[in-house]
Amino acid sequence: MTKAPDKVAMENVNSPGGRVVRVDAGKYNAMKRAILAVLPKAPPGSTVAELKKRLLPLLPEDLFPGGAKAGWWLKGVQFDLEAKGLVARVASKPLRLHRL
């Protein structure tokens, strides 16, 4: 019998009502560490494109082979970190993010 992968609850700042999605804990934690490692601590922060470029080399190849699915995980974890008050948006075009 194989063990089910560990899951973590991921929130979305854009989904009111406290809706959560359970996702793979390994990929979530790897992306969270990478985002927090490269995201500036103060405004104006980074664009999502800049953020993705900086964090790709930090992602484990076994979880994100060749950066596969990194964009989806980046947005999902970004929304979760915003919902948890760890990341904030700067009202700009393009959208910029920074750590709190």
PDB file of N, CA and C in Angstrom:
ATOM      1  N   MET A   1       0.845  -1.174   0.000  1.00  0.00           N
ATOM      2  CA  MET A   1       0.000   0.000   0.000  1.00  0.00           C
ATOM      3  C   MET A   1       0.892   1.239   0.000  1.00  0.00           C
ATOM      4  N   THR A   2       0.628   2.193  -0.899  1.00  0.00           N
ATOM      5  CA  THR A   2       1.426   3.404  -0.966  1.00  0.00           C
ATOM      6  C   THR A   2       0.826   4.488  -0.089  1.00  0.00           C
ATOM      7  N   LYS A   3       1.696   5.294   0.454  1.00  0.00           N
ATOM      8  CA  LYS A   3       1.273   6.385   1.333  1.00  0.00           C
ATOM      9  C   LYS A   3       0.811   7.572   0.475  1.00  0.00           C
ATOM     10  N   ALA A   4      -0.300   8.182   0.855  1.00  0.00           N
ATOM     11  CA  ALA A   4      -0.791   9.364   0.153  1.00  0.00           C
ATOM     12  C   ALA A   4       0.164  10.524   0.415  1.00  0.00           C
ATOM     13  N   PRO A   5       0.378  11.380  -0.599  1.00  0.00           N
ATOM     14  CA  PRO A   5       1.276  12.512  -0.399  1.00  0.00           C
ATOM     15  C   PRO A   5       0.726  13.472   0.659  1.00  0.00           C
ATOM     16  N   ASP A   6       1.640  14.121   1.384  1.00  0.00           N
ATOM     17  CA  ASP A   6       1.246  15.110   2.382  1.00  0.00           C
ATOM     18  C   ASP A   6       0.606  16.297   1.683  1.00  0.00           C
ATOM     19  N   LYS A   7      -0.403  16.857   2.317  1.00  0.00           N
ATOM     20  CA  LYS A   7      -1.137  17.991   1.753  1.00  0.00           C
ATOM     21  C   LYS A   7      -1.075  19.178   2.697  1.00  0.00           C
ATOM     22  N   VAL A   8      -1.266  20.362   2.149  1.00  0.00           N
ATOM     23  CA  VAL A   8      -1.322  21.588   2.923  1.00  0.00           C
ATOM     24  C   VAL A   8      -2.510  22.400   2.399  1.00  0.00           C
ATOM     25  N   ALA A   9      -3.159  23.143   3.288  1.00  0.00           N
ATOM     26  CA  ALA A   9      -4.296  23.973   2.900  1.00  0.00           C
ATOM     27  C   ALA A   9      -3.794  25.282   2.315  1.00  0.00           C
ATOM     28  N   MET A  10      -4.226  25.599   1.099  1.00  0.00           N
ATOM     29  CA  MET A  10      -3.817  26.822   0.421  1.00  0.00           C
ATOM     30  C   MET A  10      -5.040  27.710   0.252  1.00  0.00           C
ATOM     31  N   GLU A  11      -4.945  28.949   0.756  1.00  0.00           N
ATOM     32  CA  GLU A  11      -6.025  29.924   0.647  1.00  0.00           C
ATOM     33  C   GLU A  11      -5.837  30.765  -0.604  1.00  0.00           C
ATOM     34  N   ASN A  12      -6.859  31.557  -0.928  1.00  0.00           N
ATOM     35  CA  ASN A  12      -6.771  32.477  -2.057  1.00  0.00           C
ATOM     36  C   ASN A  12      -7.337  33.810  -1.615  1.00  0.00           C
ATOM     37  N   VAL A  13      -6.518  34.845  -1.639  1.00  0.00           N
ATOM     38  CA  VAL A  13      -6.933  36.179  -1.227  1.00  0.00           C
ATOM     39  C   VAL A  13      -8.121  36.672  -2.057  1.00  0.00           C
ATOM     40  N   ASN A  14      -8.296  36.149  -3.259  1.00  0.00           N
ATOM     41  CA  ASN A  14      -9.372  36.568  -4.156  1.00  0.00           C
ATOM     42  C   ASN A  14     -10.663  35.782  -3.970  1.00  0.00           C
ATOM     43  N   SER A  15     -10.644  34.770  -3.096  1.00  0.00           N
ATOM     44  CA  SER A  15     -11.829  33.951  -2.851  1.00  0.00           C
ATOM     45  C   SER A  15     -12.344  34.205  -1.437  1.00  0.00           C
ATOM     46  N   PRO A  16     -13.346  35.059  -1.317  1.00  0.00           N
ATOM     47  CA  PRO A  16     -13.878  35.318   0.019  1.00  0.00           C
ATOM     48  C   PRO A  16     -14.560  34.070   0.589  1.00  0.00           C
ATOM     49  N   GLY A  17     -14.706  34.055   1.889  1.00  0.00           N
ATOM     50  CA  GLY A  17     -15.407  32.946   2.522  1.00  0.00           C
ATOM     51  C   GLY A  17     -14.496  31.874   3.072  1.00  0.00           C
ATOM     52  N   GLY A  18     -13.191  32.083   3.020  1.00  0.00           N
ATOM     53  CA  GLY A  18     -12.278  31.127   3.622  1.00  0.00           C
ATOM     54  C   GLY A  18     -12.123  29.824   2.872  1.00  0.00           C
ATOM     55  N   ARG A  19     -12.429  29.801   1.602  1.00  0.00           N
ATOM     56  CA  ARG A  19     -12.281  28.578   0.803  1.00  0.00           C
ATOM     57  C   ARG A  19     -10.805  28.196   0.724  1.00  0.00           C
ATOM     58  N   VAL A  20     -10.517  26.939   0.952  1.00  0.00           N
ATOM     59  CA  VAL A  20      -9.151  26.439   0.856  1.00  0.00           C
ATOM     60  C   VAL A  20      -9.098  25.260  -0.099  1.00  0.00           C
ATOM     61  N   VAL A  21      -7.924  25.058  -0.660  1.00  0.00           N
ATOM     62  CA  VAL A  21      -7.665  23.935  -1.550  1.00  0.00           C
ATOM     63  C   VAL A  21      -6.496  23.177  -0.946  1.00  0.00           C
ATOM     64  N   ARG A  22      -6.592  21.868  -0.897  1.00  0.00           N
ATOM     65  CA  ARG A  22      -5.501  21.055  -0.364  1.00  0.00           C
ATOM     66  C   ARG A  22      -4.579  20.671  -1.513  1.00  0.00           C
ATOM     67  N   VAL A  23      -3.295  21.032  -1.354  1.00  0.00           N
ATOM     68  CA  VAL A  23      -2.306  20.814  -2.412  1.00  0.00           C
ATOM     69  C   VAL A  23      -1.091  20.076  -1.869  1.00  0.00           C
ATOM     70  N   ASP A  24      -0.257  19.609  -2.767  1.00  0.00           N
ATOM     71  CA  ASP A  24       0.961  18.891  -2.419  1.00  0.00           C
ATOM     72  C   ASP A  24       1.856  19.761  -1.530  1.00  0.00           C
ATOM     73  N   ALA A  25       2.169  19.252  -0.343  1.00  0.00           N
ATOM     74  CA  ALA A  25       2.950  20.017   0.634  1.00  0.00           C
ATOM     75  C   ALA A  25       4.384  20.263   0.166  1.00  0.00           C
ATOM     76  N   GLY A  26       4.987  19.299  -0.499  1.00  0.00           N
ATOM     77  CA  GLY A  26       6.368  19.461  -0.970  1.00  0.00           C
ATOM     78  C   GLY A  26       6.504  20.593  -1.966  1.00  0.00           C
ATOM     79  N   LYS A  27       5.621  20.620  -2.952  1.00  0.00           N
ATOM     80  CA  LYS A  27       5.676  21.683  -3.958  1.00  0.00           C
ATOM     81  C   LYS A  27       5.310  23.028  -3.349  1.00  0.00           C
ATOM     82  N   TYR A  28       4.293  23.041  -2.487  1.00  0.00           N
ATOM     83  CA  TYR A  28       3.887  24.285  -1.840  1.00  0.00           C
ATOM     84  C   TYR A  28       5.047  24.867  -1.026  1.00  0.00           C
ATOM     85  N   ASN A  29       5.655  24.044  -0.179  1.00  0.00           N
ATOM     86  CA  ASN A  29       6.731  24.531   0.689  1.00  0.00           C
ATOM     87  C   ASN A  29       7.960  24.969  -0.098  1.00  0.00           C
ATOM     88  N   ALA A  30       8.288  24.248  -1.173  1.00  0.00           N
ATOM     89  CA  ALA A  30       9.428  24.638  -2.012  1.00  0.00           C
ATOM     90  C   ALA A  30       9.168  26.004  -2.656  1.00  0.00           C
ATOM     91  N   MET A  31       7.956  26.208  -3.161  1.00  0.00           N
ATOM     92  CA  MET A  31       7.627  27.481  -3.800  1.00  0.00           C
ATOM     93  C   MET A  31       7.580  28.603  -2.769  1.00  0.00           C
ATOM     94  N   LYS A  32       7.008  28.338  -1.606  1.00  0.00           N
ATOM     95  CA  LYS A  32       6.936  29.362  -0.562  1.00  0.00           C
ATOM     96  C   LYS A  32       8.336  29.815  -0.158  1.00  0.00           C
ATOM     97  N   ARG A  33       9.235  28.863   0.073  1.00  0.00           N
ATOM     98  CA  ARG A  33      10.617  29.205   0.443  1.00  0.00           C
ATOM     99  C   ARG A  33      11.272  30.052  -0.640  1.00  0.00           C
ATOM    100  N   ALA A  34      11.083  29.666  -1.901  1.00  0.00           N
ATOM    101  CA  ALA A  34      11.704  30.397  -3.006  1.00  0.00           C
ATOM    102  C   ALA A  34      11.144  31.814  -3.113  1.00  0.00           C
ATOM    103  N   ILE A  35       9.824  31.962  -3.007  1.00  0.00           N
ATOM    104  CA  ILE A  35       9.204  33.288  -3.085  1.00  0.00           C
ATOM    105  C   ILE A  35       9.736  34.185  -1.977  1.00  0.00           C
ATOM    106  N   LEU A  36       9.712  33.703  -0.758  1.00  0.00           N
ATOM    107  CA  LEU A  36      10.148  34.525   0.372  1.00  0.00           C
ATOM    108  C   LEU A  36      11.643  34.822   0.327  1.00  0.00           C
ATOM    109  N   ALA A  37      12.418  33.956  -0.320  1.00  0.00           N
ATOM    110  CA  ALA A  37      13.857  34.179  -0.432  1.00  0.00           C
ATOM    111  C   ALA A  37      14.197  35.307  -1.401  1.00  0.00           C
ATOM    112  N   VAL A  38      13.399  35.482  -2.442  1.00  0.00           N
ATOM    113  CA  VAL A  38      13.758  36.461  -3.474  1.00  0.00           C
ATOM    114  C   VAL A  38      12.879  37.710  -3.492  1.00  0.00           C
ATOM    115  N   LEU A  39      11.767  37.687  -2.796  1.00  0.00           N
ATOM    116  CA  LEU A  39      10.858  38.829  -2.807  1.00  0.00           C
ATOM    117  C   LEU A  39      11.409  39.951  -1.928  1.00  0.00           C
ATOM    118  N   PRO A  40      11.480  41.181  -2.453  1.00  0.00           N
ATOM    119  CA  PRO A  40      11.977  42.303  -1.648  1.00  0.00           C
ATOM    120  C   PRO A  40      11.101  42.550  -0.424  1.00  0.00           C
ATOM    121  N   LYS A  41      11.719  43.114   0.609  1.00  0.00           N
ATOM    122  CA  LYS A  41      11.020  43.368   1.865  1.00  0.00           C
ATOM    123  C   LYS A  41      10.241  44.675   1.856  1.00  0.00           C
ATOM    124  N   ALA A  42      10.427  45.506   0.857  1.00  0.00           N
ATOM    125  CA  ALA A  42       9.765  46.810   0.855  1.00  0.00           C
ATOM    126  C   ALA A  42       9.316  47.172  -0.550  1.00  0.00           C
ATOM    127  N   PRO A  43       8.319  48.067  -0.656  1.00  0.00           N
ATOM    128  CA  PRO A  43       7.901  48.560  -1.961  1.00  0.00           C
ATOM    129  C   PRO A  43       9.072  49.236  -2.665  1.00  0.00           C
ATOM    130  N   PRO A  44       9.172  49.265  -3.962  1.00  0.00           N
ATOM    131  CA  PRO A  44       8.103  48.889  -4.861  1.00  0.00           C
ATOM    132  C   PRO A  44       7.989  47.383  -5.107  1.00  0.00           C
ATOM    133  N   GLY A  45       8.923  46.580  -4.629  1.00  0.00           N
ATOM    134  CA  GLY A  45       8.811  45.136  -4.793  1.00  0.00           C
ATOM    135  C   GLY A  45       9.200  44.659  -6.173  1.00  0.00           C
ATOM    136  N   SER A  46       8.689  43.500  -6.559  1.00  0.00           N
ATOM    137  CA  SER A  46       8.990  42.867  -7.852  1.00  0.00           C
ATOM    138  C   SER A  46       7.717  42.587  -8.609  1.00  0.00           C
ATOM    139  N   THR A  47       7.821  42.594  -9.917  1.00  0.00           N
ATOM    140  CA  THR A  47       6.701  42.127 -10.728  1.00  0.00           C
ATOM    141  C   THR A  47       6.676  40.608 -10.642  1.00  0.00           C
ATOM    142  N   VAL A  48       5.581  40.024 -11.041  1.00  0.00           N
ATOM    143  CA  VAL A  48       5.469  38.562 -11.018  1.00  0.00           C
ATOM    144  C   VAL A  48       6.483  37.951 -11.985  1.00  0.00           C
ATOM    145  N   ALA A  49       6.698  38.591 -13.143  1.00  0.00           N
ATOM    146  CA  ALA A  49       7.675  38.085 -14.114  1.00  0.00           C
ATOM    147  C   ALA A  49       9.086  38.111 -13.530  1.00  0.00           C
ATOM    148  N   GLU A  50       9.444  39.196 -12.843  1.00  0.00           N
ATOM    149  CA  GLU A  50      10.761  39.283 -12.200  1.00  0.00           C
ATOM    150  C   GLU A  50      10.900  38.227 -11.111  1.00  0.00           C
ATOM    151  N   LEU A  51       9.842  38.070 -10.352  1.00  0.00           N
ATOM    152  CA  LEU A  51       9.835  37.092  -9.271  1.00  0.00           C
ATOM    153  C   LEU A  51      10.059  35.685  -9.813  1.00  0.00           C
ATOM    154  N   LYS A  52       9.345  35.338 -10.867  1.00  0.00           N
ATOM    155  CA  LYS A  52       9.477  34.001 -11.450  1.00  0.00           C
ATOM    156  C   LYS A  52      10.896  33.761 -11.953  1.00  0.00           C
ATOM    157  N   LYS A  53      11.471  34.757 -12.609  1.00  0.00           N
ATOM    158  CA  LYS A  53      12.828  34.612 -13.142  1.00  0.00           C
ATOM    159  C   LYS A  53      13.835  34.359 -12.022  1.00  0.00           C
ATOM    160  N   ARG A  54      13.671  35.045 -10.888  1.00  0.00           N
ATOM    161  CA  ARG A  54      14.600  34.901  -9.765  1.00  0.00           C
ATOM    162  C   ARG A  54      14.420  33.603  -8.993  1.00  0.00           C
ATOM    163  N   LEU A  55      13.188  33.110  -8.912  1.00  0.00           N
ATOM    164  CA  LEU A  55      12.972  31.926  -8.074  1.00  0.00           C
ATOM    165  C   LEU A  55      13.163  30.602  -8.804  1.00  0.00           C
ATOM    166  N   LEU A  56      13.064  30.589 -10.121  1.00  0.00           N
ATOM    167  CA  LEU A  56      13.214  29.326 -10.860  1.00  0.00           C
ATOM    168  C   LEU A  56      14.489  28.556 -10.498  1.00  0.00           C
ATOM    169  N   PRO A  57      15.652  29.208 -10.397  1.00  0.00           N
ATOM    170  CA  PRO A  57      16.859  28.447 -10.046  1.00  0.00           C
ATOM    171  C   PRO A  57      16.834  27.864  -8.631  1.00  0.00           C
ATOM    172  N   LEU A  58      15.952  28.353  -7.777  1.00  0.00           N
ATOM    173  CA  LEU A  58      15.880  27.870  -6.395  1.00  0.00           C
ATOM    174  C   LEU A  58      14.964  26.663  -6.220  1.00  0.00           C
ATOM    175  N   LEU A  59      14.179  26.349  -7.238  1.00  0.00           N
ATOM    176  CA  LEU A  59      13.213  25.254  -7.127  1.00  0.00           C
ATOM    177  C   LEU A  59      13.875  23.903  -7.337  1.00  0.00           C
ATOM    178  N   PRO A  60      13.516  22.912  -6.532  1.00  0.00           N
ATOM    179  CA  PRO A  60      14.085  21.570  -6.695  1.00  0.00           C
ATOM    180  C   PRO A  60      13.684  20.965  -8.046  1.00  0.00           C
ATOM    181  N   GLU A  61      14.660  20.465  -8.750  1.00  0.00           N
ATOM    182  CA  GLU A  61      14.432  19.894 -10.072  1.00  0.00           C
ATOM    183  C   GLU A  61      13.499  18.683 -10.011  1.00  0.00           C
ATOM    184  N   ASP A  62      13.539  17.916  -8.928  1.00  0.00           N
ATOM    185  CA  ASP A  62      12.684  16.735  -8.843  1.00  0.00           C
ATOM    186  C   ASP A  62      11.207  17.104  -8.690  1.00  0.00           C
ATOM    187  N   LEU A  63      10.917  18.281  -8.126  1.00  0.00           N
ATOM    188  CA  LEU A  63       9.524  18.719  -7.974  1.00  0.00           C
ATOM    189  C   LEU A  63       9.042  19.565  -9.146  1.00  0.00           C
ATOM    190  N   PHE A  64       9.948  20.328  -9.746  1.00  0.00           N
ATOM    191  CA  PHE A  64       9.613  21.218 -10.861  1.00  0.00           C
ATOM    192  C   PHE A  64      10.597  20.987 -12.005  1.00  0.00           C
ATOM    193  N   PRO A  65      10.527  19.822 -12.674  1.00  0.00           N
ATOM    194  CA  PRO A  65      11.502  19.514 -13.729  1.00  0.00           C
ATOM    195  C   PRO A  65      11.460  20.551 -14.856  1.00  0.00           C
ATOM    196  N   GLY A  66      12.591  21.218 -15.053  1.00  0.00           N
ATOM    197  CA  GLY A  66      12.667  22.247 -16.088  1.00  0.00           C
ATOM    198  C   GLY A  66      11.759  23.430 -15.819  1.00  0.00           C
ATOM    199  N   GLY A  67      11.346  23.609 -14.568  1.00  0.00           N
ATOM    200  CA  GLY A  67      10.445  24.709 -14.229  1.00  0.00           C
ATOM    201  C   GLY A  67       8.984  24.413 -14.525  1.00  0.00           C
ATOM    202  N   ALA A  68       8.666  23.150 -14.821  1.00  0.00           N
ATOM    203  CA  ALA A  68       7.297  22.769 -15.168  1.00  0.00           C
ATOM    204  C   ALA A  68       6.323  23.130 -14.055  1.00  0.00           C
ATOM    205  N   LYS A  69       5.221  23.733 -14.427  1.00  0.00           N
ATOM    206  CA  LYS A  69       4.126  24.124 -13.530  1.00  0.00           C
ATOM    207  C   LYS A  69       4.517  25.198 -12.513  1.00  0.00           C
ATOM    208  N   ALA A  70       5.703  25.773 -12.640  1.00  0.00           N
ATOM    209  CA  ALA A  70       6.147  26.785 -11.677  1.00  0.00           C
ATOM    210  C   ALA A  70       5.245  28.015 -11.709  1.00  0.00           C
ATOM    211  N   GLY A  71       4.742  28.399 -12.860  1.00  0.00           N
ATOM    212  CA  GLY A  71       3.868  29.572 -12.963  1.00  0.00           C
ATOM    213  C   GLY A  71       2.579  29.381 -12.179  1.00  0.00           C
ATOM    214  N   TRP A  72       1.965  28.204 -12.297  1.00  0.00           N
ATOM    215  CA  TRP A  72       0.730  27.922 -11.569  1.00  0.00           C
ATOM    216  C   TRP A  72       0.987  27.953 -10.071  1.00  0.00           C
ATOM    217  N   TRP A  73       2.059  27.287  -9.641  1.00  0.00           N
ATOM    218  CA  TRP A  73       2.385  27.239  -8.221  1.00  0.00           C
ATOM    219  C   TRP A  73       2.764  28.619  -7.695  1.00  0.00           C
ATOM    220  N   LEU A  74       3.466  29.405  -8.489  1.00  0.00           N
ATOM    221  CA  LEU A  74       3.819  30.764  -8.079  1.00  0.00           C
ATOM    222  C   LEU A  74       2.563  31.573  -7.769  1.00  0.00           C
ATOM    223  N   LYS A  75       1.586  31.575  -8.667  1.00  0.00           N
ATOM    224  CA  LYS A  75       0.361  32.349  -8.444  1.00  0.00           C
ATOM    225  C   LYS A  75      -0.435  31.799  -7.263  1.00  0.00           C
ATOM    226  N   GLY A  76      -0.560  30.498  -7.168  1.00  0.00           N
ATOM    227  CA  GLY A  76      -1.314  29.908  -6.067  1.00  0.00           C
ATOM    228  C   GLY A  76      -0.701  30.228  -4.715  1.00  0.00           C
ATOM    229  N   VAL A  77       0.602  30.078  -4.603  1.00  0.00           N
ATOM    230  CA  VAL A  77       1.275  30.352  -3.335  1.00  0.00           C
ATOM    231  C   VAL A  77       1.288  31.863  -3.067  1.00  0.00           C
ATOM    232  N   GLN A  78       1.430  32.667  -4.111  1.00  0.00           N
ATOM    233  CA  GLN A  78       1.354  34.121  -3.946  1.00  0.00           C
ATOM    234  C   GLN A  78       0.016  34.512  -3.319  1.00  0.00           C
ATOM    235  N   PHE A  79      -1.080  34.009  -3.876  1.00  0.00           N
ATOM    236  CA  PHE A  79      -2.415  34.323  -3.339  1.00  0.00           C
ATOM    237  C   PHE A  79      -2.543  33.857  -1.888  1.00  0.00           C
ATOM    238  N   ASP A  80      -1.995  32.675  -1.596  1.00  0.00           N
ATOM    239  CA  ASP A  80      -2.044  32.151  -0.232  1.00  0.00           C
ATOM    240  C   ASP A  80      -1.259  33.043   0.721  1.00  0.00           C
ATOM    241  N   LEU A  81      -0.071  33.455   0.330  1.00  0.00           N
ATOM    242  CA  LEU A  81       0.759  34.310   1.186  1.00  0.00           C
ATOM    243  C   LEU A  81       0.113  35.678   1.387  1.00  0.00           C
ATOM    244  N   GLU A  82      -0.585  36.168   0.371  1.00  0.00           N
ATOM    245  CA  GLU A  82      -1.334  37.417   0.527  1.00  0.00           C
ATOM    246  C   GLU A  82      -2.463  37.224   1.536  1.00  0.00           C
ATOM    247  N   ALA A  83      -3.184  36.122   1.421  1.00  0.00           N
ATOM    248  CA  ALA A  83      -4.300  35.844   2.327  1.00  0.00           C
ATOM    249  C   ALA A  83      -3.816  35.715   3.773  1.00  0.00           C
ATOM    250  N   LYS A  84      -2.600  35.226   3.948  1.00  0.00           N
ATOM    251  CA  LYS A  84      -2.049  35.037   5.286  1.00  0.00           C
ATOM    252  C   LYS A  84      -1.304  36.274   5.794  1.00  0.00           C
ATOM    253  N   GLY A  85      -1.267  37.340   5.000  1.00  0.00           N
ATOM    254  CA  GLY A  85      -0.636  38.584   5.428  1.00  0.00           C
ATOM    255  C   GLY A  85       0.879  38.571   5.406  1.00  0.00           C
ATOM    256  N   LEU A  86       1.488  37.717   4.592  1.00  0.00           N
ATOM    257  CA  LEU A  86       2.943  37.662   4.489  1.00  0.00           C
ATOM    258  C   LEU A  86       3.479  38.413   3.279  1.00  0.00           C
ATOM    259  N   VAL A  87       2.603  38.651   2.304  1.00  0.00           N
ATOM    260  CA  VAL A  87       2.967  39.334   1.062  1.00  0.00           C
ATOM    261  C   VAL A  87       1.896  40.377   0.780  1.00  0.00           C
ATOM    262  N   ALA A  88       2.322  41.511   0.211  1.00  0.00           N
ATOM    263  CA  ALA A  88       1.377  42.578  -0.127  1.00  0.00           C
ATOM    264  C   ALA A  88       1.567  43.003  -1.572  1.00  0.00           C
ATOM    265  N   ARG A  89       0.490  43.516  -2.147  1.00  0.00           N
ATOM    266  CA  ARG A  89       0.512  44.063  -3.500  1.00  0.00           C
ATOM    267  C   ARG A  89       0.762  45.564  -3.435  1.00  0.00           C
ATOM    268  N   VAL A  90       1.426  46.075  -4.459  1.00  0.00           N
ATOM    269  CA  VAL A  90       1.576  47.511  -4.651  1.00  0.00           C
ATOM    270  C   VAL A  90       0.658  47.869  -5.806  1.00  0.00           C
ATOM    271  N   ALA A  91      -0.184  48.872  -5.607  1.00  0.00           N
ATOM    272  CA  ALA A  91      -1.128  49.279  -6.655  1.00  0.00           C
ATOM    273  C   ALA A  91      -0.356  49.928  -7.796  1.00  0.00           C
ATOM    274  N   SER A  92       0.038  49.116  -8.752  1.00  0.00           N
ATOM    275  CA  SER A  92       0.796  49.603  -9.901  1.00  0.00           C
ATOM    276  C   SER A  92       0.492  48.722 -11.100  1.00  0.00           C
ATOM    277  N   LYS A  93       0.894  49.194 -12.249  1.00  0.00           N
ATOM    278  CA  LYS A  93       0.795  48.399 -13.477  1.00  0.00           C
ATOM    279  C   LYS A  93       2.192  48.319 -14.048  1.00  0.00           C
ATOM    280  N   PRO A  94       2.779  47.144 -14.177  1.00  0.00           N
ATOM    281  CA  PRO A  94       2.226  45.860 -13.776  1.00  0.00           C
ATOM    282  C   PRO A  94       2.218  45.706 -12.247  1.00  0.00           C
ATOM    283  N   LEU A  95       1.444  44.747 -11.813  1.00  0.00           N
ATOM    284  CA  LEU A  95       1.328  44.430 -10.396  1.00  0.00           C
ATOM    285  C   LEU A  95       2.710  44.139  -9.808  1.00  0.00           C
ATOM    286  N   ARG A  96       2.963  44.679  -8.629  1.00  0.00           N
ATOM    287  CA  ARG A  96       4.228  44.431  -7.930  1.00  0.00           C
ATOM    288  C   ARG A  96       3.912  43.875  -6.539  1.00  0.00           C
ATOM    289  N   LEU A  97       4.804  43.052  -6.039  1.00  0.00           N
ATOM    290  CA  LEU A  97       4.632  42.392  -4.743  1.00  0.00           C
ATOM    291  C   LEU A  97       5.850  42.630  -3.878  1.00  0.00           C
ATOM    292  N   HIS A  98       5.630  42.630  -2.554  1.00  0.00           N
ATOM    293  CA  HIS A  98       6.733  42.678  -1.605  1.00  0.00           C
ATOM    294  C   HIS A  98       6.333  41.944  -0.346  1.00  0.00           C
ATOM    295  N   ARG A  99       7.344  41.548   0.437  1.00  0.00           N
ATOM    296  CA  ARG A  99       7.081  40.862   1.712  1.00  0.00           C
ATOM    297  C   ARG A  99       6.642  41.869   2.746  1.00  0.00           C
ATOM    298  N   LEU A 100       5.933  41.387   3.724  1.00  0.00           N
ATOM    299  CA  LEU A 100       5.543  42.230   4.865  1.00  0.00           C
ATOM    300  C   LEU A 100       6.377  41.874   6.065  1.00  0.00           C
TER     301      LEU A 100
END
